[in-house]
C-alpha atoms as a PDB file:
ATOM      1  CA  MET A   1       0.000   0.000   0.000  1.00  0.00           C
ATOM      2  CA  ARG A   2       1.491   3.344  -1.069  1.00  0.00           C
ATOM      3  CA  GLU A   3       1.071   6.483   0.981  1.00  0.00           C
ATOM      4  CA  LEU A   4      -0.837   9.129  -0.929  1.00  0.00           C
ATOM      5  CA  LEU A   5       0.874  12.486  -0.576  1.00  0.00           C
ATOM      6  CA  SER A   6      -0.395  14.519  -3.523  1.00  0.00           C
ATOM      7  CA  ILE A   7      -3.187  14.641  -6.086  1.00  0.00           C
ATOM      8  CA  VAL A   8      -4.246  16.669  -9.096  1.00  0.00           C
ATOM      9  CA  LEU A   9      -7.681  18.218  -8.648  1.00  0.00           C
ATOM     10  CA  ALA A  10      -9.613  18.581 -11.914  1.00  0.00           C
ATOM     11  CA  SER A  11     -11.694  21.436 -10.534  1.00  0.00           C
ATOM     12  CA  ALA A  12     -11.248  25.112  -9.777  1.00  0.00           C
ATOM     13  CA  SER A  13     -13.513  24.841  -6.712  1.00  0.00           C
ATOM     14  CA  PRO A  14     -11.769  26.374  -3.685  1.00  0.00           C
ATOM     15  CA  ARG A  15     -14.049  24.330  -1.403  1.00  0.00           C
ATOM     16  CA  ARG A  16     -12.922  21.021  -2.877  1.00  0.00           C
ATOM     17  CA  ARG A  17      -9.295  22.076  -2.688  1.00  0.00           C
ATOM     18  CA  GLU A  18      -9.783  23.056   0.957  1.00  0.00           C
ATOM     19  CA  LEU A  19     -11.465  19.734   1.790  1.00  0.00           C
ATOM     20  CA  LEU A  20      -8.792  17.607   0.123  1.00  0.00           C
ATOM     21  CA  THR A  21      -5.983  19.688   1.626  1.00  0.00           C
ATOM     22  CA  SER A  22      -7.537  19.030   5.047  1.00  0.00           C
ATOM     23  CA  LEU A  23      -6.591  15.366   4.557  1.00  0.00           C
ATOM     24  CA  GLY A  24      -2.928  16.363   4.547  1.00  0.00           C
ATOM     25  CA  LEU A  25      -2.596  16.138   0.778  1.00  0.00           C
ATOM     26  CA  THR A  26      -0.716  18.481  -1.511  1.00  0.00           C
ATOM     27  CA  VAL A  27      -3.316  19.522  -4.080  1.00  0.00           C
ATOM     28  CA  ARG A  28      -2.391  20.823  -7.518  1.00  0.00           C
ATOM     29  CA  VAL A  29      -5.312  22.330  -9.409  1.00  0.00           C
ATOM     30  CA  VAL A  30      -5.703  21.603 -13.138  1.00  0.00           C
ATOM     31  CA  PRO A  31      -9.261  22.601 -14.108  1.00  0.00           C
ATOM     32  CA  SER A  32     -10.901  20.660 -16.911  1.00  0.00           C
ATOM     33  CA  ASP A  33     -12.648  22.270 -19.867  1.00  0.00           C
ATOM     34  CA  VAL A  34     -15.686  19.992 -19.611  1.00  0.00           C
ATOM     35  CA  ASP A  35     -19.046  21.638 -20.310  1.00  0.00           C
ATOM     36  CA  GLU A  36     -21.112  21.306 -17.119  1.00  0.00           C
ATOM     37  CA  GLY A  37     -24.423  22.193 -18.754  1.00  0.00           C
ATOM     38  CA  ASP A  38     -27.552  20.064 -18.768  1.00  0.00           C
ATOM     39  CA  ARG A  39     -27.565  16.889 -20.849  1.00  0.00           C
ATOM     40  CA  PRO A  40     -30.926  15.735 -22.237  1.00  0.00           C
ATOM     41  CA  GLY A  41     -31.966  12.364 -20.875  1.00  0.00           C
ATOM     42  CA  TYR A  42     -29.909  12.595 -17.679  1.00  0.00           C
ATOM     43  CA  GLY A  43     -31.484  13.107 -14.268  1.00  0.00           C
ATOM     44  CA  PRO A  44     -29.718  15.245 -11.639  1.00  0.00           C
ATOM     45  CA  ARG A  45     -27.933  12.321  -9.951  1.00  0.00           C
ATOM     46  CA  GLU A  46     -26.775  10.861 -13.267  1.00  0.00           C
ATOM     47  CA  LEU A  47     -25.687  14.304 -14.443  1.00  0.00           C
ATOM     48  CA  ALA A  48     -23.369  14.722 -11.452  1.00  0.00           C
ATOM     49  CA  ALA A  49     -21.735  11.345 -12.151  1.00  0.00           C
ATOM     50  CA  LEU A  50     -21.383  12.107 -15.858  1.00  0.00           C
ATOM     51  CA  HIS A  51     -19.689  15.438 -15.219  1.00  0.00           C
ATOM     52  CA  ALA A  52     -17.336  14.086 -12.537  1.00  0.00           C
ATOM     53  CA  GLY A  53     -16.177  11.228 -14.761  1.00  0.00           C
ATOM     54  CA  ALA A  54     -15.708  13.476 -17.771  1.00  0.00           C
ATOM     55  CA  LYS A  55     -13.620  15.967 -15.785  1.00  0.00           C
ATOM     56  CA  ALA A  56     -11.381  13.237 -14.389  1.00  0.00           C
ATOM     57  CA  ASP A  57     -10.862  11.652 -17.811  1.00  0.00           C
ATOM     58  CA  ALA A  58     -10.100  14.984 -19.489  1.00  0.00           C
ATOM     59  CA  VAL A  59      -7.342  15.877 -17.032  1.00  0.00           C
ATOM     60  CA  ALA A  60      -6.040  12.286 -16.792  1.00  0.00           C
ATOM     61  CA  ARG A  61      -5.151  12.489 -20.488  1.00  0.00           C
ATOM     62  CA  LEU A  62      -2.816  15.370 -19.628  1.00  0.00           C
ATOM     63  CA  GLU A  63      -1.498  14.233 -16.229  1.00  0.00           C
ATOM     64  CA  ARG A  64      -0.424  10.624 -16.698  1.00  0.00           C
ATOM     65  CA  ASP A  65       1.803  10.335 -13.630  1.00  0.00           C
ATOM     66  CA  ALA A  66      -0.644  11.535 -10.962  1.00  0.00           C
ATOM     67  CA  LEU A  67      -3.840  10.592  -9.183  1.00  0.00           C
ATOM     68  CA  ILE A  68      -6.554  12.744 -10.742  1.00  0.00           C
ATOM     69  CA  VAL A  69      -9.600  13.613  -8.631  1.00  0.00           C
ATOM     70  CA  ALA A  70     -12.739  15.311  -9.929  1.00  0.00           C
ATOM     71  CA  ALA A  71     -16.213  15.970  -8.577  1.00  0.00           C
ATOM     72  CA  ASP A  72     -19.500  17.576  -9.496  1.00  0.00           C
ATOM     73  CA  THR A  73     -22.431  18.740  -7.379  1.00  0.00           C
ATOM     74  CA  VAL A  74     -26.025  19.089  -8.556  1.00  0.00           C
ATOM     75  CA  VAL A  75     -28.996  20.323  -6.545  1.00  0.00           C
ATOM     76  CA  ASP A  76     -32.138  18.296  -7.252  1.00  0.00           C
ATOM     77  CA  VAL A  77     -35.624  19.710  -6.776  1.00  0.00           C
ATOM     78  CA  ASP A  78     -38.260  17.124  -7.691  1.00  0.00           C
ATOM     79  CA  GLY A  79     -36.011  15.692 -10.394  1.00  0.00           C
ATOM     80  CA  VAL A  80     -35.025  19.072 -11.840  1.00  0.00           C
ATOM     81  CA  ALA A  81     -31.313  19.908 -11.714  1.00  0.00           C
ATOM     82  CA  LEU A  82     -30.091  23.247 -10.396  1.00  0.00           C
ATOM     83  CA  GLY A  83     -26.481  23.925 -11.306  1.00  0.00           C
ATOM     84  CA  LYS A  84     -24.538  27.137 -10.826  1.00  0.00           C
ATOM     85  CA  PRO A  85     -26.566  30.309 -11.412  1.00  0.00           C
ATOM     86  CA  ALA A  86     -25.894  32.261 -14.588  1.00  0.00           C
ATOM     87  CA  ASP A  87     -26.198  35.577 -12.752  1.00  0.00           C
ATOM     88  CA  ASP A  88     -27.766  37.163  -9.669  1.00  0.00           C
ATOM     89  CA  THR A  89     -31.251  37.066 -11.181  1.00  0.00           C
ATOM     90  CA  ASP A  90     -30.869  33.353 -11.779  1.00  0.00           C
ATOM     91  CA  ALA A  91     -29.569  32.903  -8.221  1.00  0.00           C
ATOM     92  CA  ALA A  92     -32.684  34.629  -6.858  1.00  0.00           C
ATOM     93  CA  ARG A  93     -34.867  32.326  -8.954  1.00  0.00           C
ATOM     94  CA  MET A  94     -33.139  29.260  -7.545  1.00  0.00           C
ATOM     95  CA  LEU A  95     -33.376  30.453  -3.958  1.00  0.00           C
ATOM     96  CA  ARG A  96     -37.091  31.139  -4.351  1.00  0.00           C
ATOM     97  CA  ILE A  97     -37.528  27.580  -5.642  1.00  0.00           C
ATOM     98  CA  LEU A  98     -35.637  26.156  -2.642  1.00  0.00           C
ATOM     99  CA  SER A  99     -37.366  28.342  -0.044  1.00  0.00           C
ATOM    100  CA  GLY A 100     -39.321  26.420   2.590  1.00  0.00           C
ATOM    101  CA  ARG A 101     -38.907  22.979   1.061  1.00  0.00           C
ATOM    102  CA  ASP A 102     -36.733  19.887   0.821  1.00  0.00           C
ATOM    103  CA  HIS A 103     -34.246  19.165  -1.937  1.00  0.00           C
ATOM    104  CA  ARG A 104     -31.451  16.693  -2.527  1.00  0.00           C
ATOM    105  CA  VAL A 105     -27.807  17.463  -3.149  1.00  0.00           C
ATOM    106  CA  HIS A 106     -25.967  14.933  -5.293  1.00  0.00           C
ATOM    107  CA  THR A 107     -22.171  14.992  -5.333  1.00  0.00           C
ATOM    108  CA  ALA A 108     -20.306  12.556  -7.536  1.00  0.00           C
ATOM    109  CA  TYR A 109     -16.562  12.057  -7.540  1.00  0.00           C
ATOM    110  CA  ALA A 110     -14.204  10.160  -9.809  1.00  0.00           C
ATOM    111  CA  ALA A 111     -10.544   9.370  -9.265  1.00  0.00           C
ATOM    112  CA  VAL A 112      -8.210   8.032 -11.948  1.00  0.00           C
ATOM    113  CA  ASP A 113      -4.705   6.801 -11.143  1.00  0.00           C
ATOM    114  CA  GLY A 114      -2.505   7.739 -14.064  1.00  0.00           C
ATOM    115  CA  PRO A 115       0.277   5.180 -13.529  1.00  0.00           C
ATOM    116  CA  THR A 116      -2.056   2.163 -13.241  1.00  0.00           C
ATOM    117  CA  GLY A 117      -5.233   3.281 -15.002  1.00  0.00           C
ATOM    118  CA  ARG A 118      -7.315   2.168 -12.022  1.00  0.00           C
ATOM    119  CA  ARG A 119     -10.337   4.248 -11.117  1.00  0.00           C
ATOM    120  CA  ILE A 120     -12.904   4.656  -8.385  1.00  0.00           C
ATOM    121  CA  GLY A 121     -16.011   6.779  -8.153  1.00  0.00           C
ATOM    122  CA  ALA A 122     -19.359   7.122  -6.429  1.00  0.00           C
ATOM    123  CA  THR A 123     -22.352   9.420  -6.150  1.00  0.00           C
ATOM    124  CA  HIS A 124     -23.707  10.451  -2.757  1.00  0.00           C
ATOM    125  CA  SER A 125     -26.977  12.203  -1.959  1.00  0.00           C
ATOM    126  CA  THR A 126     -28.042  14.239   1.054  1.00  0.00           C
ATOM    127  CA  LEU A 127     -31.471  15.645   1.865  1.00  0.00           C
ATOM    128  CA  VAL A 128     -31.519  19.346   2.732  1.00  0.00           C
ATOM    129  CA  ARG A 129     -34.445  21.315   4.134  1.00  0.00           C
ATOM    130  CA  PHE A 130     -34.497  25.083   3.592  1.00  0.00           C
ATOM    131  CA  ALA A 131     -36.140  27.637   5.818  1.00  0.00           C
ATOM    132  CA  SER A 132     -38.765  29.922   4.289  1.00  0.00           C
ATOM    133  CA  LEU A 133     -36.869  32.828   2.769  1.00  0.00           C
ATOM    134  CA  SER A 134     -38.237  36.344   2.449  1.00  0.00           C
ATOM    135  CA  SER A 135     -37.361  38.468  -0.555  1.00  0.00           C
ATOM    136  CA  ASP A 136     -35.196  40.622   1.717  1.00  0.00           C
ATOM    137  CA  VAL A 137     -33.207  37.620   2.958  1.00  0.00           C
ATOM    138  CA  ILE A 138     -32.666  36.418  -0.613  1.00  0.00           C
ATOM    139  CA  GLU A 139     -31.532  39.869  -1.765  1.00  0.00           C
ATOM    140  CA  ARG A 140     -29.122  40.268   1.156  1.00  0.00           C
ATOM    141  CA  TYR A 141     -27.645  36.819   0.642  1.00  0.00           C
ATOM    142  CA  ILE A 142     -27.120  37.422  -3.072  1.00  0.00           C
ATOM    143  CA  ALA A 143     -25.440  40.741  -2.244  1.00  0.00           C
ATOM    144  CA  THR A 144     -22.691  38.808  -0.408  1.00  0.00           C
ATOM    145  CA  GLY A 145     -21.634  37.276  -3.737  1.00  0.00           C
ATOM    146  CA  GLU A 146     -21.572  33.815  -2.204  1.00  0.00           C
ATOM    147  CA  PRO A 147     -24.207  32.196  -4.474  1.00  0.00           C
ATOM    148  CA  ARG A 148     -22.452  32.947  -7.758  1.00  0.00           C
ATOM    149  CA  ASP A 149     -20.295  29.846  -8.185  1.00  0.00           C
ATOM    150  CA  LYS A 150     -22.340  27.311  -6.238  1.00  0.00           C
ATOM    151  CA  ALA A 151     -24.839  24.677  -7.314  1.00  0.00           C
ATOM    152  CA  GLY A 152     -28.311  25.758  -6.255  1.00  0.00           C
ATOM    153  CA  ALA A 153     -26.960  29.249  -5.490  1.00  0.00           C
ATOM    154  CA  TYR A 154     -25.903  28.556  -1.904  1.00  0.00           C
ATOM    155  CA  GLY A 155     -22.984  27.252   0.112  1.00  0.00           C
ATOM    156  CA  ILE A 156     -23.759  25.367   3.299  1.00  0.00           C
ATOM    157  CA  GLN A 157     -20.319  26.049   4.764  1.00  0.00           C
ATOM    158  CA  GLY A 158     -20.661  29.831   4.506  1.00  0.00           C
ATOM    159  CA  ARG A 159     -23.390  32.384   5.089  1.00  0.00           C
ATOM    160  CA  GLY A 160     -25.770  29.979   3.362  1.00  0.00           C
ATOM    161  CA  ALA A 161     -25.769  27.852   6.517  1.00  0.00           C
ATOM    162  CA  ALA A 162     -28.373  30.290   7.875  1.00  0.00           C
ATOM    163  CA  LEU A 163     -30.761  29.283   5.071  1.00  0.00           C
ATOM    164  CA  VAL A 164     -30.725  25.599   6.042  1.00  0.00           C
ATOM    165  CA  GLU A 165     -33.053  24.140   8.658  1.00  0.00           C
ATOM    166  CA  GLN A 166     -31.894  20.525   8.556  1.00  0.00           C
ATOM    167  CA  ILE A 167     -29.839  17.995   6.630  1.00  0.00           C
ATOM    168  CA  GLU A 168     -30.189  14.227   6.536  1.00  0.00           C
ATOM    169  CA  GLY A 169     -26.963  12.644   5.339  1.00  0.00           C
ATOM    170  CA  ASP A 170     -23.350  13.642   4.814  1.00  0.00           C
ATOM    171  CA  PHE A 171     -22.452  17.301   5.336  1.00  0.00           C
ATOM    172  CA  TYR A 172     -19.408  16.998   3.072  1.00  0.00           C
ATOM    173  CA  THR A 173     -21.607  15.830   0.203  1.00  0.00           C
ATOM    174  CA  VAL A 174     -23.484  19.136   0.426  1.00  0.00           C
ATOM    175  CA  MET A 175     -20.219  21.027   0.689  1.00  0.00           C
ATOM    176  CA  GLY A 176     -18.979  19.410  -2.516  1.00  0.00           C
ATOM    177  CA  PHE A 177     -16.892  16.303  -1.823  1.00  0.00           C
ATOM    178  CA  PRO A 178     -17.717  13.108   0.152  1.00  0.00           C
ATOM    179  CA  LEU A 179     -14.397  12.828   1.959  1.00  0.00           C
ATOM    180  CA  GLY A 180     -15.145   9.722   4.008  1.00  0.00           C
ATOM    181  CA  ASP A 181     -16.062   7.511   1.060  1.00  0.00           C
ATOM    182  CA  PHE A 182     -13.065   8.724  -0.937  1.00  0.00           C
ATOM    183  CA  VAL A 183     -10.633   7.874   1.866  1.00  0.00           C
ATOM    184  CA  ARG A 184     -12.207   4.464   2.512  1.00  0.00           C
ATOM    185  CA  ARG A 185     -11.947   3.515  -1.159  1.00  0.00           C
ATOM    186  CA  LEU A 186      -8.357   4.653  -1.742  1.00  0.00           C
ATOM    187  CA  PRO A 187      -7.025   1.102  -1.056  1.00  0.00           C
ATOM    188  CA  GLU A 188      -8.779   0.012  -4.266  1.00  0.00           C
ATOM    189  CA  LEU A 189      -6.208   2.184  -6.054  1.00  0.00           C
ATOM    190  CA  GLY A 190      -3.363   0.909  -3.887  1.00  0.00           C
ATOM    191  CA  TYR A 191      -3.184   4.058  -1.747  1.00  0.00           C
ATOM    192  CA  ALA A 192      -3.761   5.062   1.856  1.00  0.00           C
ATOM    193  CA  LEU A 193      -3.425   8.401   3.581  1.00  0.00           C
ATOM    194  CA  PRO A 194      -0.273   8.568   5.738  1.00  0.00           C
ATOM    195  CA  ALA A 195      -2.187   8.944   9.027  1.00  0.00           C
ATOM    196  CA  VAL A 196      -4.587   6.146   8.149  1.00  0.00           C
ATOM    197  CA  ALA A 197      -1.798   3.891   6.929  1.00  0.00           C
ATOM    198  CA  GLY A 198       0.161   4.538  10.118  1.00  0.00           C
ATOM    199  CA  ALA A 199      -2.826   3.769  12.312  1.00  0.00           C
ATOM    200  CA  ALA A 200      -3.293   0.439  10.542  1.00  0.00           C
ATOM    201  CA  ARG A 201       0.231  -0.765  11.333  1.00  0.00           C
END
């Protein structure tokens, strides 16, 4: 079992970089050029998996000596996917849709080991319940700029935490990367994190 010290992240998301760095990894960011728009015939959960796999494959073709990690998050309201808002008006539309109701957050990840060609991946879903949001609350939240690069126009780890009443499932899935599952499946690629590998000896 090799100790995993560094990865290439096929995403420009600062949240994913922060999460993976928290594992003690050195993270080099190489964003993919994959179009993350809607794909006809794919539901929200399938869309997240499609995007994550495509991002990992695109960067793996360029970075053949590294472990490539990619992820995608889609907010699902009654089977309708909410990605990142196009602008503030679109963000307000999304937040009005989410106000006072449940939705699911699907985060898929894919990891491709360049040297061996092995890969792992999974899609995780968490139920999120929003508080009822007034127009004033929505306007003030949008004014912070936080919704602009986030699926569903909110971030649970930031000011958007105040919009959430309850979650059922993994917090990290809502934040954008299911850390626990990723770490547990690393042995399938022949890797372990140094702390985890040390604890196992």
